[in-house]
Amino acid sequence: MSDGAQFRQVSPVRLYQRIVEQIEQAITRGDLKPGQRLPSERELVTQFGASRPTVREALRVLESNGLVRSRPGDPNGPEILPFSPAGLTKEMTRLVQFDNVSMAELISFRMILDGSASLLAARLRSEEELSVMERTLAVMSDAIEAGYEEFSKADVAFHEAVAVASRNSLIEVCNQVVRGAVLSLISDKVAHAHNSTALMRKSLRHHQEVLEAIRVRDGQAAARISRRTLYDYYAGYVPENEQGPLLALVDDEETSTTRP
């Protein structure tokens, strides 16, 4: 017997998984597009040659994954939904919660994405897009007195405006996913920090610096300030012995000694 590869016992694939795979592949190929309908449950039972409970389980999985939507009492088949980053956000949050991805990795990835978005936005933004960023910062400034929740909404709007101006839809989606995962894990800590108002004011100043760099089309400065802003805001939530990936993304002279 060979001492090479070791194999594990195989387990049977459940029938509903095969149905899920076929429908997912049809969506990926473009055979099924957002807004279109799957056949009725009865027709799916006939087409797949499977039992009604098996088809229902497949549809439940597809709905849980955000691919289709069924409406109670609707005689038509489930509707194909457009892509949403909500599912990706949920999965990334689970990865972090189960220690498959560290908080340091997640934040450093956001620093990479945000820096890239700011660099591209500085070089590609339109005057209209710049105006959108200016309006979101004005809202952010007003929201400081209202509290962290309102401030966070305006903060998200600013980053979304920058991502849109980057002209890269993948950056836009990934930034949204990573930002959502980070906030879902630490937003409560930030909101109840004893110095939350000071943190918001500091964050606003950094965002204003990013905006100014984007305004004068200095992409390198916009990227550098974006990374530094995220470091200053989030590094305090990462153990010091795990901060290497974050420190590698900011210059020594830019690293703030004051952390939230």
Protein backbone atom coordinates (compact mmCIF):
# COMPACT_ATOMS: atom_id res chain seq x y z
CA MET A 1 0.00 0.00 0.00
CA SER A 2 1.30 3.47 -0.89
CA ASP A 3 2.50 5.74 1.92
CA GLY A 4 1.53 8.80 -0.12
CA ALA A 5 -1.88 10.45 -0.19
CA GLN A 6 -4.36 9.68 2.57
CA PHE A 7 -8.04 9.66 1.75
CA ARG A 8 -11.15 10.03 3.86
CA GLN A 9 -14.38 8.13 3.57
CA VAL A 10 -16.81 9.72 1.16
CA SER A 11 -20.26 10.83 2.20
CA PRO A 12 -23.28 10.93 -0.08
CA VAL A 13 -24.38 14.31 -1.40
CA ARG A 14 -27.94 15.11 -0.50
CA LEU A 15 -30.31 15.55 -3.41
CA TYR A 16 -31.31 19.09 -2.45
CA GLN A 17 -27.66 20.14 -2.80
CA ARG A 18 -27.68 19.01 -6.43
CA ILE A 19 -30.76 21.15 -7.05
CA VAL A 20 -29.09 24.12 -5.39
CA GLU A 21 -25.98 23.62 -7.54
CA GLN A 22 -27.98 23.53 -10.78
CA ILE A 23 -29.90 26.70 -9.98
CA GLU A 24 -26.74 28.51 -8.82
CA GLN A 25 -24.99 27.52 -12.06
CA ALA A 26 -27.93 28.77 -14.13
CA ILE A 27 -27.72 32.14 -12.33
CA THR A 28 -23.94 32.29 -12.81
CA ARG A 29 -24.26 31.56 -16.54
CA GLY A 30 -26.92 34.23 -16.90
CA ASP A 31 -29.64 31.76 -17.88
CA LEU A 32 -31.58 33.10 -14.90
CA LYS A 33 -31.46 36.86 -14.33
CA PRO A 34 -32.63 39.11 -11.47
CA GLY A 35 -36.38 39.60 -11.64
CA GLN A 36 -37.04 36.35 -13.45
CA ARG A 37 -39.00 33.54 -11.81
CA LEU A 38 -38.19 29.90 -11.22
CA PRO A 39 -40.86 27.40 -12.24
CA SER A 40 -43.55 26.64 -9.68
CA GLU A 41 -42.76 24.18 -6.91
CA ARG A 42 -44.84 21.51 -8.66
CA GLU A 43 -42.98 22.05 -11.94
CA LEU A 44 -39.61 21.91 -10.15
CA VAL A 45 -40.59 18.58 -8.59
CA THR A 46 -41.29 17.26 -12.10
CA GLN A 47 -38.17 18.71 -13.73
CA PHE A 48 -35.76 17.51 -11.03
CA GLY A 49 -37.51 14.20 -10.47
CA ALA A 50 -37.30 14.85 -6.74
CA SER A 51 -39.76 14.87 -3.87
CA ARG A 52 -41.57 18.01 -2.77
CA PRO A 53 -39.66 18.14 0.60
CA THR A 54 -36.34 17.93 -1.29
CA VAL A 55 -37.28 20.80 -3.61
CA ARG A 56 -38.51 22.86 -0.67
CA GLU A 57 -35.23 22.34 1.19
CA ALA A 58 -33.28 23.45 -1.89
CA LEU A 59 -35.40 26.59 -2.18
CA ARG A 60 -34.93 27.28 1.53
CA VAL A 61 -31.14 27.13 1.10
CA LEU A 62 -31.26 29.38 -1.97
CA GLU A 63 -33.41 31.90 -0.11
CA SER A 64 -31.11 31.78 2.91
CA ASN A 65 -28.18 32.54 0.59
CA GLY A 66 -30.00 35.58 -0.80
CA LEU A 67 -30.39 34.17 -4.32
CA VAL A 68 -34.17 33.84 -4.50
CA ARG A 69 -37.22 35.20 -2.69
CA SER A 70 -40.53 33.44 -2.15
CA ARG A 71 -43.66 35.33 -1.16
CA PRO A 72 -46.33 33.56 0.92
CA GLY A 73 -49.39 32.86 -1.19
CA ASP A 74 -47.65 33.81 -4.45
CA PRO A 75 -48.73 31.29 -7.14
CA ASN A 76 -45.59 32.01 -9.18
CA GLY A 77 -42.19 30.47 -8.59
CA PRO A 78 -39.48 32.13 -6.46
CA GLU A 79 -38.00 35.36 -7.82
CA ILE A 80 -34.31 35.59 -8.72
CA LEU A 81 -32.76 38.40 -6.67
CA PRO A 82 -29.99 40.79 -7.70
CA PHE A 83 -26.61 40.36 -6.02
CA SER A 84 -26.40 41.76 -2.50
CA PRO A 85 -23.27 42.04 -0.35
CA ALA A 86 -25.31 41.23 2.76
CA GLY A 87 -24.54 37.53 2.47
CA LEU A 88 -20.83 38.19 2.06
CA THR A 89 -20.87 40.45 5.11
CA LYS A 90 -22.52 37.72 7.16
CA GLU A 91 -19.99 35.10 6.06
CA MET A 92 -17.00 37.36 6.68
CA THR A 93 -18.30 38.19 10.14
CA ARG A 94 -18.61 34.48 10.86
CA LEU A 95 -15.04 33.92 9.71
CA VAL A 96 -13.79 36.48 12.20
CA GLN A 97 -16.01 35.25 15.02
CA PHE A 98 -14.73 31.70 14.62
CA ASP A 99 -11.10 32.88 14.48
CA ASN A 100 -10.49 31.79 10.90
CA VAL A 101 -9.72 35.42 10.08
CA SER A 102 -8.25 37.69 12.74
CA MET A 103 -9.46 41.19 13.45
CA ALA A 104 -6.00 42.42 12.40
CA GLU A 105 -6.39 40.76 8.99
CA LEU A 106 -9.85 42.20 8.53
CA ILE A 107 -8.82 45.75 9.43
CA SER A 108 -5.63 45.62 7.36
CA PHE A 109 -7.68 44.41 4.39
CA ARG A 110 -10.00 47.35 4.87
CA MET A 111 -6.98 49.67 4.99
CA ILE A 112 -5.81 48.25 1.65
CA LEU A 113 -9.24 48.61 0.05
CA ASP A 114 -9.92 52.08 1.43
CA GLY A 115 -6.48 53.33 0.44
CA SER A 116 -6.94 52.02 -3.09
CA ALA A 117 -10.41 53.54 -3.37
CA SER A 118 -9.11 56.93 -2.22
CA LEU A 119 -6.18 56.83 -4.63
CA LEU A 120 -8.42 56.06 -7.61
CA ALA A 121 -11.10 58.52 -6.52
CA ALA A 122 -8.53 61.34 -6.36
CA ARG A 123 -7.51 60.66 -9.94
CA LEU A 124 -10.89 59.81 -11.46
CA ARG A 125 -13.56 61.68 -9.49
CA SER A 126 -15.96 64.09 -11.15
CA GLU A 127 -17.01 67.43 -9.72
CA GLU A 128 -20.43 65.98 -8.95
CA GLU A 129 -18.87 63.08 -7.04
CA LEU A 130 -16.69 65.52 -5.12
CA SER A 131 -19.83 67.45 -4.16
CA VAL A 132 -21.42 64.26 -2.83
CA MET A 133 -18.38 63.67 -0.61
CA GLU A 134 -18.53 67.25 0.66
CA ARG A 135 -22.21 66.87 1.57
CA THR A 136 -21.59 63.63 3.46
CA LEU A 137 -18.86 65.29 5.52
CA ALA A 138 -21.20 68.16 6.34
CA VAL A 139 -23.75 65.62 7.59
CA MET A 140 -21.01 63.82 9.51
CA SER A 141 -20.04 67.07 11.25
CA ASP A 142 -23.64 67.79 12.26
CA ALA A 143 -24.10 64.19 13.46
CA ILE A 144 -21.39 64.34 16.14
CA GLU A 145 -23.81 65.90 18.62
CA ALA A 146 -26.53 63.41 17.67
CA GLY A 147 -24.34 60.44 18.69
CA TYR A 148 -22.35 57.60 17.22
CA GLU A 149 -25.19 55.93 15.32
CA GLU A 150 -25.93 58.97 13.18
CA PHE A 151 -22.25 59.74 12.79
CA SER A 152 -21.58 56.18 11.62
CA LYS A 153 -24.31 56.44 8.95
CA ALA A 154 -22.68 59.59 7.56
CA ASP A 155 -19.26 57.95 7.76
CA VAL A 156 -20.52 55.00 5.72
CA ALA A 157 -22.01 57.39 3.14
CA PHE A 158 -18.64 59.12 2.72
CA HIS A 159 -16.76 55.87 2.15
CA GLU A 160 -19.43 54.72 -0.29
CA ALA A 161 -19.09 57.98 -2.23
CA VAL A 162 -15.32 57.51 -2.43
CA ALA A 163 -15.71 53.89 -3.55
CA VAL A 164 -18.17 54.91 -6.27
CA ALA A 165 -15.70 57.52 -7.52
CA SER A 166 -12.98 54.85 -7.75
CA ARG A 167 -14.82 53.46 -10.83
CA ASN A 168 -14.22 49.90 -9.57
CA SER A 169 -17.31 47.94 -8.62
CA LEU A 170 -15.27 45.20 -6.93
CA ILE A 171 -13.66 47.72 -4.59
CA GLU A 172 -17.10 49.15 -3.95
CA VAL A 173 -18.61 45.78 -2.99
CA CYS A 174 -15.61 44.48 -1.03
CA ASN A 175 -15.28 47.74 0.89
CA GLN A 176 -18.92 47.55 1.87
CA VAL A 177 -18.58 43.94 2.97
CA VAL A 178 -15.41 44.45 5.02
CA ARG A 179 -16.65 47.68 6.57
CA GLY A 180 -19.90 45.97 7.58
CA ALA A 181 -18.03 43.05 9.13
CA VAL A 182 -15.74 45.32 11.15
CA LEU A 183 -18.58 47.52 12.39
CA SER A 184 -20.74 44.55 13.34
CA LEU A 185 -17.98 43.36 15.66
CA ILE A 186 -16.88 46.58 17.37
CA SER A 187 -19.50 49.28 16.79
CA ASP A 188 -20.96 48.76 20.25
CA LYS A 189 -17.53 49.27 21.83
CA VAL A 190 -16.97 52.47 19.86
CA ALA A 191 -20.42 53.83 20.67
CA HIS A 192 -19.91 53.34 24.41
CA ALA A 193 -16.28 54.40 24.62
CA HIS A 194 -15.72 57.08 27.25
CA ASN A 195 -14.08 59.31 24.63
CA SER A 196 -16.47 58.55 21.74
CA THR A 197 -17.11 62.24 20.98
CA ALA A 198 -13.38 62.95 20.78
CA LEU A 199 -12.95 59.92 18.51
CA MET A 200 -15.68 61.19 16.19
CA ARG A 201 -14.13 64.65 15.99
CA LYS A 202 -10.73 63.14 15.24
CA SER A 203 -12.25 60.88 12.59
CA LEU A 204 -13.99 63.88 10.99
CA ARG A 205 -10.68 65.80 10.77
CA HIS A 206 -9.02 62.84 9.07
CA HIS A 207 -11.90 62.50 6.61
CA GLN A 208 -11.58 66.19 5.80
CA GLU A 209 -7.90 65.62 5.05
CA VAL A 210 -8.79 62.74 2.72
CA LEU A 211 -11.36 64.92 0.98
CA GLU A 212 -8.83 67.71 0.48
CA ALA A 213 -6.35 65.28 -1.07
CA ILE A 214 -9.08 63.98 -3.38
CA ARG A 215 -10.05 67.55 -4.24
CA VAL A 216 -6.50 68.41 -5.42
CA ARG A 217 -6.18 64.99 -7.09
CA ASP A 218 -3.29 63.86 -4.91
CA GLY A 219 -3.94 60.13 -4.99
CA GLN A 220 -0.89 59.09 -2.99
CA ALA A 221 -1.76 61.47 -0.15
CA ALA A 222 -5.42 60.40 -0.18
CA ALA A 223 -4.42 56.74 0.09
CA ARG A 224 -1.86 57.40 2.83
CA ILE A 225 -4.26 59.47 4.94
CA SER A 226 -7.05 56.92 4.48
CA ARG A 227 -4.86 54.11 5.80
CA ARG A 228 -3.66 56.23 8.71
CA THR A 229 -7.23 57.22 9.59
CA LEU A 230 -8.33 53.61 9.83
CA TYR A 231 -5.24 52.69 11.83
CA ASP A 232 -5.82 55.46 14.35
CA TYR A 233 -9.48 54.55 14.69
CA TYR A 234 -9.27 50.76 14.91
CA ALA A 235 -5.77 49.74 16.08
CA GLY A 236 -6.83 49.94 19.71
CA TYR A 237 -9.16 47.01 19.16
CA VAL A 238 -6.34 44.76 17.98
CA PRO A 239 -3.84 43.17 20.44
CA GLU A 240 -0.42 44.79 20.12
CA ASN A 241 1.26 41.50 19.21
CA GLU A 242 -1.08 41.20 16.18
CA GLN A 243 -0.68 44.72 14.81
CA GLY A 244 2.11 43.90 12.35
CA PRO A 245 -0.16 43.88 9.24
CA LEU A 246 -1.60 47.26 10.26
CA LEU A 247 1.76 48.83 11.02
CA ALA A 248 3.10 47.66 7.66
CA LEU A 249 0.47 49.81 5.94
CA VAL A 250 1.31 53.11 7.65
CA ASP A 251 4.59 55.02 7.79
CA ASP A 252 6.25 55.19 11.20
CA GLU A 253 5.95 58.96 11.42
CA GLU A 254 2.23 58.72 10.64
CA THR A 255 1.35 56.18 13.29
CA SER A 256 -0.59 57.86 16.04
CA THR A 257 0.46 57.14 19.59
CA THR A 258 -3.08 57.84 20.77
CA ARG A 259 -5.46 54.98 20.08
CA PRO A 260 -9.17 54.62 20.79
